[in-house]
Protein backbone atom coordinates (compact mmCIF):
# COMPACT_ATOMS: atom_id res chain seq x y z
CA MET A 1 135.04 189.41 195.83
CA PRO A 2 134.26 187.01 198.84
CA ALA A 3 133.47 183.41 197.71
CA ASN A 4 129.97 183.38 198.69
CA PHE A 5 128.77 186.03 197.00
CA ARG A 6 130.99 184.19 193.72
CA SER A 7 129.11 181.22 194.36
CA LEU A 8 125.39 183.22 194.58
CA ARG A 9 125.68 184.77 191.20
CA HIS A 10 126.83 182.11 189.93
CA SER A 11 124.17 180.11 191.35
CA ARG A 12 121.46 183.14 189.58
CA ALA A 13 122.79 183.02 186.74
CA LEU A 14 122.74 179.06 186.30
CA THR A 15 118.34 179.11 187.35
CA LYS A 16 118.44 181.78 184.40
CA ALA A 17 119.86 180.12 182.07
CA THR A 18 117.60 176.95 182.76
CA GLU A 19 114.51 178.30 182.10
CA PHE A 20 115.92 179.92 178.88
CA LEU A 21 117.06 176.48 177.27
CA HIS A 22 113.82 174.96 179.17
CA GLN A 23 111.79 177.79 177.26
CA GLY A 24 113.47 177.30 174.28
CA ARG A 25 113.08 173.36 174.10
CA THR A 26 109.66 174.09 174.70
CA LEU A 27 109.52 176.68 171.71
CA THR A 28 110.62 174.17 169.69
CA ARG A 29 109.60 170.91 170.91
CA THR A 30 105.35 173.31 170.46
CA LYS A 31 106.39 173.30 166.50
CA THR A 32 107.96 170.14 166.11
CA ASP A 33 104.47 168.17 167.50
CA GLU A 34 102.55 171.35 165.21
CA LEU A 35 104.81 169.52 162.25
CA VAL A 36 104.17 166.61 163.14
CA ARG A 37 100.85 166.09 163.59
CA ARG A 38 100.34 168.22 159.87
CA GLY A 39 102.75 165.52 158.52
CA ARG A 40 101.45 162.34 160.24
CA THR A 41 101.21 160.61 156.22
CA LEU A 42 105.32 161.55 155.46
CA SER A 43 107.73 159.09 155.34
CA ARG A 44 110.73 158.01 157.52
CA VAL A 45 112.82 159.70 155.81
CA GLN A 46 111.13 162.76 156.16
CA LYS A 47 110.17 162.45 159.70
CA ALA A 48 114.16 161.84 160.60
CA ALA A 49 114.45 165.16 158.42
CA VAL A 50 111.78 167.41 160.37
CA ALA A 51 113.30 166.00 163.43
CA GLY A 52 116.78 166.82 162.85
CA THR A 53 115.97 169.68 162.38
CA ALA A 54 113.89 171.01 165.30
CA THR A 55 117.32 169.13 166.78
CA LEU A 56 119.15 171.71 164.99
CA ALA A 57 117.05 174.67 166.27
CA ALA A 58 117.13 173.56 169.17
CA ALA A 59 120.95 173.53 170.39
CA ALA A 60 121.28 177.29 167.82
CA ILE A 61 119.22 178.79 170.88
CA ALA A 62 120.00 176.93 173.83
CA VAL A 63 122.61 178.89 176.35
CA PRO A 64 125.28 177.37 176.66
CA VAL A 65 126.19 176.68 180.87
CA ALA A 66 129.04 175.60 182.80
CA VAL A 67 127.61 174.55 185.83
CA ALA A 68 129.64 176.15 189.02
CA GLY A 69 131.94 173.43 190.01
CA GLY A 70 134.72 174.91 192.90
CA GLU A 71 136.63 178.06 192.32
CA GLY A 72 138.04 177.35 189.21
CA ALA A 73 134.73 177.32 187.78
CA THR A 74 133.22 179.60 184.43
CA SER A 75 131.03 182.43 185.26
CA VAL A 76 128.59 183.55 183.23
CA SER A 77 128.47 187.31 182.98
CA ALA A 78 125.05 189.00 184.50
CA ASP A 79 124.52 190.37 181.42
CA ALA A 80 125.12 187.04 179.02
CA VAL A 81 122.14 185.80 181.80
CA ALA A 82 120.04 188.63 181.90
CA ALA A 83 119.81 189.56 177.58
CA PRO A 84 116.64 187.58 176.31
CA VAL A 85 117.05 185.30 174.15
CA GLN A 86 115.53 185.63 170.61
CA VAL A 87 114.13 181.91 169.38
CA GLY A 88 113.58 182.78 165.44
CA SER A 89 111.30 180.57 163.86
CA GLN A 90 112.94 180.94 160.63
CA PRO A 91 114.47 177.69 160.45
CA VAL A 92 110.43 176.65 160.80
CA GLU A 93 109.23 177.78 158.38
CA ASP A 94 111.77 176.65 155.66
CA VAL A 95 111.09 173.38 157.13
CA LYS A 96 107.41 173.90 157.22
CA ALA A 97 107.73 174.95 153.12
CA ALA A 98 110.23 172.01 152.16
CA VAL A 99 108.07 169.82 154.12
CA THR A 100 104.93 170.86 151.91
CA ASP A 101 107.19 171.24 149.03
CA GLN A 102 107.42 167.03 149.27
CA LEU A 103 104.00 166.36 150.10
CA ALA A 104 102.98 168.29 147.15
CA GLY A 105 105.60 166.65 144.83
CA GLU A 106 104.69 163.70 146.72
CA SER A 107 101.01 164.31 145.65
CA VAL A 108 101.51 164.97 142.07
CA LYS A 109 103.61 161.44 141.68
CA ILE A 110 101.21 159.90 143.80
CA GLN A 111 97.83 161.39 141.32
CA ALA A 112 100.53 160.48 137.96
CA ILE A 113 100.59 156.73 139.13
CA GLU A 114 96.84 156.38 139.94
CA ALA A 115 96.13 157.76 136.95
CA LYS A 116 98.55 155.03 135.15
CA LYS A 117 96.24 152.38 136.63
CA GLN A 118 93.05 153.82 136.38
CA ALA A 119 94.03 153.99 132.80
CA ALA A 120 95.41 150.97 132.52
CA ALA A 121 92.70 149.39 133.97
CA LYS A 122 90.22 150.95 131.51
CA GLN A 123 93.01 149.32 128.84
CA GLN A 124 91.97 146.05 130.20
CA ALA A 125 88.58 145.96 130.35
CA ALA A 126 88.30 146.81 126.95
CA LYS A 127 90.56 144.43 125.87
CA ARG A 128 88.59 141.84 127.97
CA LYS A 129 85.07 143.33 126.21
CA ALA A 130 86.67 143.26 122.84
CA GLU A 131 87.87 139.34 123.35
CA ALA A 132 84.63 138.83 125.38
CA ALA A 133 82.11 140.51 122.13
CA ALA A 134 85.33 138.55 119.56
CA LYS A 135 84.26 135.03 121.03
CA ARG A 136 80.41 135.67 120.82
CA LYS A 137 80.70 136.55 117.27
CA ALA A 138 83.10 133.45 116.36
CA GLU A 139 80.75 130.79 118.49
CA ALA A 140 77.24 132.88 116.82
CA ALA A 141 78.95 131.74 113.28
CA ARG A 142 79.60 128.29 115.01
CA LYS A 143 76.15 128.64 115.06
CA ALA A 144 74.88 129.52 111.58
CA GLU A 145 76.95 127.24 110.19
CA ALA A 146 75.80 124.14 111.97
CA ALA A 147 72.36 125.01 111.31
CA ARG A 148 73.31 126.02 107.78
CA LYS A 149 74.78 122.38 107.27
CA ALA A 150 71.90 120.72 109.49
CA LYS A 151 69.26 121.92 107.21
CA ALA A 152 71.25 120.98 103.41
CA ALA A 153 71.27 117.45 105.25
CA SER A 154 67.65 117.00 105.56
CA ARG A 155 66.85 118.19 102.46
CA SER A 156 69.18 116.23 101.07
CA ALA A 157 67.48 113.48 102.87
CA GLN A 158 64.47 114.60 101.95
CA ARG A 159 64.94 114.78 98.04
CA PRO A 160 64.07 111.50 96.10
CA GLN A 161 67.55 109.58 95.20
CA MET A 162 67.85 110.11 91.65
CA ARG A 163 69.46 106.65 90.30
CA THR A 164 72.83 106.76 87.90
CA VAL A 165 70.90 104.32 85.14
CA ALA A 166 73.03 103.20 81.34
CA ALA A 167 71.69 105.35 78.88
CA ALA A 168 70.68 101.61 77.19
CA THR A 169 72.58 100.40 74.34
CA THR A 170 70.71 100.43 70.99
CA TYR A 171 71.87 98.09 68.45
CA GLY A 172 71.11 97.34 64.72
CA ASN A 173 68.61 94.60 63.42
CA ASN A 174 71.31 93.68 60.81
CA LEU A 175 74.70 91.64 60.73
CA ASN A 176 77.02 94.60 62.52
CA GLY A 177 74.21 94.72 65.16
CA TRP A 178 74.24 91.14 65.64
CA ILE A 179 77.41 90.73 65.45
CA ARG A 180 78.27 93.35 68.69
CA GLN A 181 75.60 93.26 70.79
CA SER A 182 76.13 89.14 70.46
CA LEU A 183 79.90 90.33 71.35
CA ALA A 184 78.15 92.33 74.70
CA ILE A 185 76.55 89.02 75.76
CA MET A 186 79.67 87.13 75.32
CA LYS A 187 82.06 89.53 77.88
CA GLN A 188 79.31 89.47 80.22
CA HIS A 189 80.22 85.76 80.28
CA ASN A 190 84.04 85.14 79.17
CA ILE A 191 82.91 83.36 76.18
CA PRO A 192 86.29 84.61 74.12
CA GLY A 193 86.41 85.90 70.49
CA SER A 194 86.03 89.15 68.36
CA TYR A 195 84.26 90.50 65.71
CA SER A 196 86.89 89.87 62.84
CA GLY A 197 86.73 85.94 63.65
CA LEU A 198 82.49 86.30 64.05
CA HIS A 199 81.94 88.59 61.16
CA ARG A 200 84.42 85.62 59.24
CA ASN A 201 83.15 82.65 60.37
CA ILE A 202 79.26 83.87 59.84
CA MET A 203 80.09 84.81 56.43
CA ARG A 204 81.35 81.66 55.37
CA GLU A 205 78.62 79.35 56.83
CA SER A 206 75.52 81.13 55.69
CA SER A 207 76.73 84.88 54.15
CA GLY A 208 74.63 86.62 56.60
CA ASN A 209 71.36 84.97 56.68
CA PRO A 210 69.70 84.25 59.78
CA LYS A 211 67.52 81.83 58.65
CA ALA A 212 70.19 80.09 56.30
CA ILE A 213 69.62 76.05 56.51
CA ASN A 214 71.87 73.44 55.07
CA LEU A 215 69.39 70.38 53.85
CA TRP A 216 72.49 68.48 52.34
CA ASP A 217 74.55 67.88 54.59
CA ILE A 218 75.15 64.56 56.54
CA ASN A 219 73.58 66.49 60.18
CA ALA A 220 70.37 67.20 57.41
CA ARG A 221 70.93 63.17 56.12
CA ASN A 222 70.29 62.80 60.09
CA GLY A 223 67.26 64.80 61.12
CA ILE A 224 68.74 67.54 62.91
CA PRO A 225 69.96 69.82 59.34
CA SER A 226 72.09 72.89 60.55
CA LYS A 227 70.91 76.09 60.79
CA GLY A 228 71.06 80.39 61.48
CA LEU A 229 74.06 82.22 60.80
CA LEU A 230 77.05 79.95 62.04
CA GLN A 231 73.88 77.08 60.68
CA VAL A 232 74.39 75.22 64.94
CA ILE A 233 72.07 72.25 64.88
CA ASP A 234 69.16 72.25 67.83
CA PRO A 235 71.10 69.85 70.11
CA THR A 236 74.09 71.76 69.69
CA PHE A 237 72.47 74.52 70.70
CA ARG A 238 70.13 73.73 73.39
CA ALA A 239 73.32 72.11 75.10
CA TYR A 240 75.53 75.70 75.23
CA HIS A 241 72.61 77.95 75.04
CA VAL A 242 73.63 81.42 76.73
CA PRO A 243 71.46 82.50 79.70
CA GLY A 244 69.55 85.75 78.72
CA THR A 245 69.00 85.08 74.83
CA SER A 246 66.63 83.67 73.29
CA TRP A 247 65.74 79.94 72.74
CA ASN A 248 64.80 80.30 69.45
CA ILE A 249 67.43 78.56 67.08
CA TYR A 250 67.11 81.14 64.15
CA ASP A 251 67.92 84.12 66.67
CA PRO A 252 70.61 85.77 65.35
CA VAL A 253 72.12 86.90 69.15
CA ALA A 254 71.28 83.33 70.67
CA ASN A 255 72.87 81.79 67.27
CA ILE A 256 76.01 83.19 67.07
CA THR A 257 76.36 83.12 71.16
CA ALA A 258 75.79 79.69 71.60
CA ALA A 259 77.98 78.75 68.74
CA CYS A 260 81.02 80.57 70.17
CA ASN A 261 80.45 78.98 73.36
CA TYR A 262 80.49 75.47 71.68
CA ALA A 263 83.70 77.22 69.93
CA ALA A 264 85.39 78.40 72.78
CA HIS A 265 84.65 74.90 74.50
CA ARG A 266 86.05 72.72 71.71
CA TYR A 267 88.53 74.64 69.22
CA GLY A 268 89.47 78.13 72.51
CA SER A 269 87.94 80.80 70.24
CA MET A 270 86.12 81.36 67.39
CA ASP A 271 88.87 83.05 65.60
CA ASN A 272 90.06 80.01 65.86
CA VAL A 273 87.73 78.66 63.23
CA ASN A 274 88.41 78.68 59.62
CA SER A 275 86.02 76.24 58.03
CA ALA A 276 82.97 73.71 58.74
CA TYR A 277 83.43 72.48 62.65
């Protein structure tokens, strides 16, 4: 076959192959664009998967073409060139189904995450509400307690203060009562003496008679007779009189306390006196 004829056939076959390849790429691009429009929200990994699948589909439908180059160029038969290229839609449909499934799965995950976030937000809101209610309750209790204390303090301030008054000690109008009352007064003035010491000297001096008077001893001859339970002369009674007692020398308590005050200064205590003093 003449060389120019073979070149012509090669040129025609190359043209046909180029047209089919162009159609296949156009179809693949169209399908890919459609998937991209539908899956704009896909992640980078998912978009890369779609692009890779489209590239594989384009490679599957492409017709290998060898560019004629001289006498040794590989020829493409007319039947192979003229055969219609079958562009199947199955790979694209599979990609679409896979993408749809992935989108559905991602949507479920997103919904679950959102539901979990909403539940957590509701839980936090309920917790804050409970804490606020507890705080209000505690504050109300504190105010109520403060009001109660203030009211109690007000009542206490208005209530007249009761003074504790010790019950007055009463003493019998007898020797026992006179000695005990005298000891209480002596204690207030730090005058020493005991019940037994007082009782012993009283019985020796006057036999317990508060009106007793000695009209025969030296004091009587000097005009100052001894008088009372402990036979005290008037100058001594006046000199050692105990404040708070009667100035009557015959008063039993006044007589005892004055005599004990004198004995304390001279003898240390009435307990040390065992005879006329």
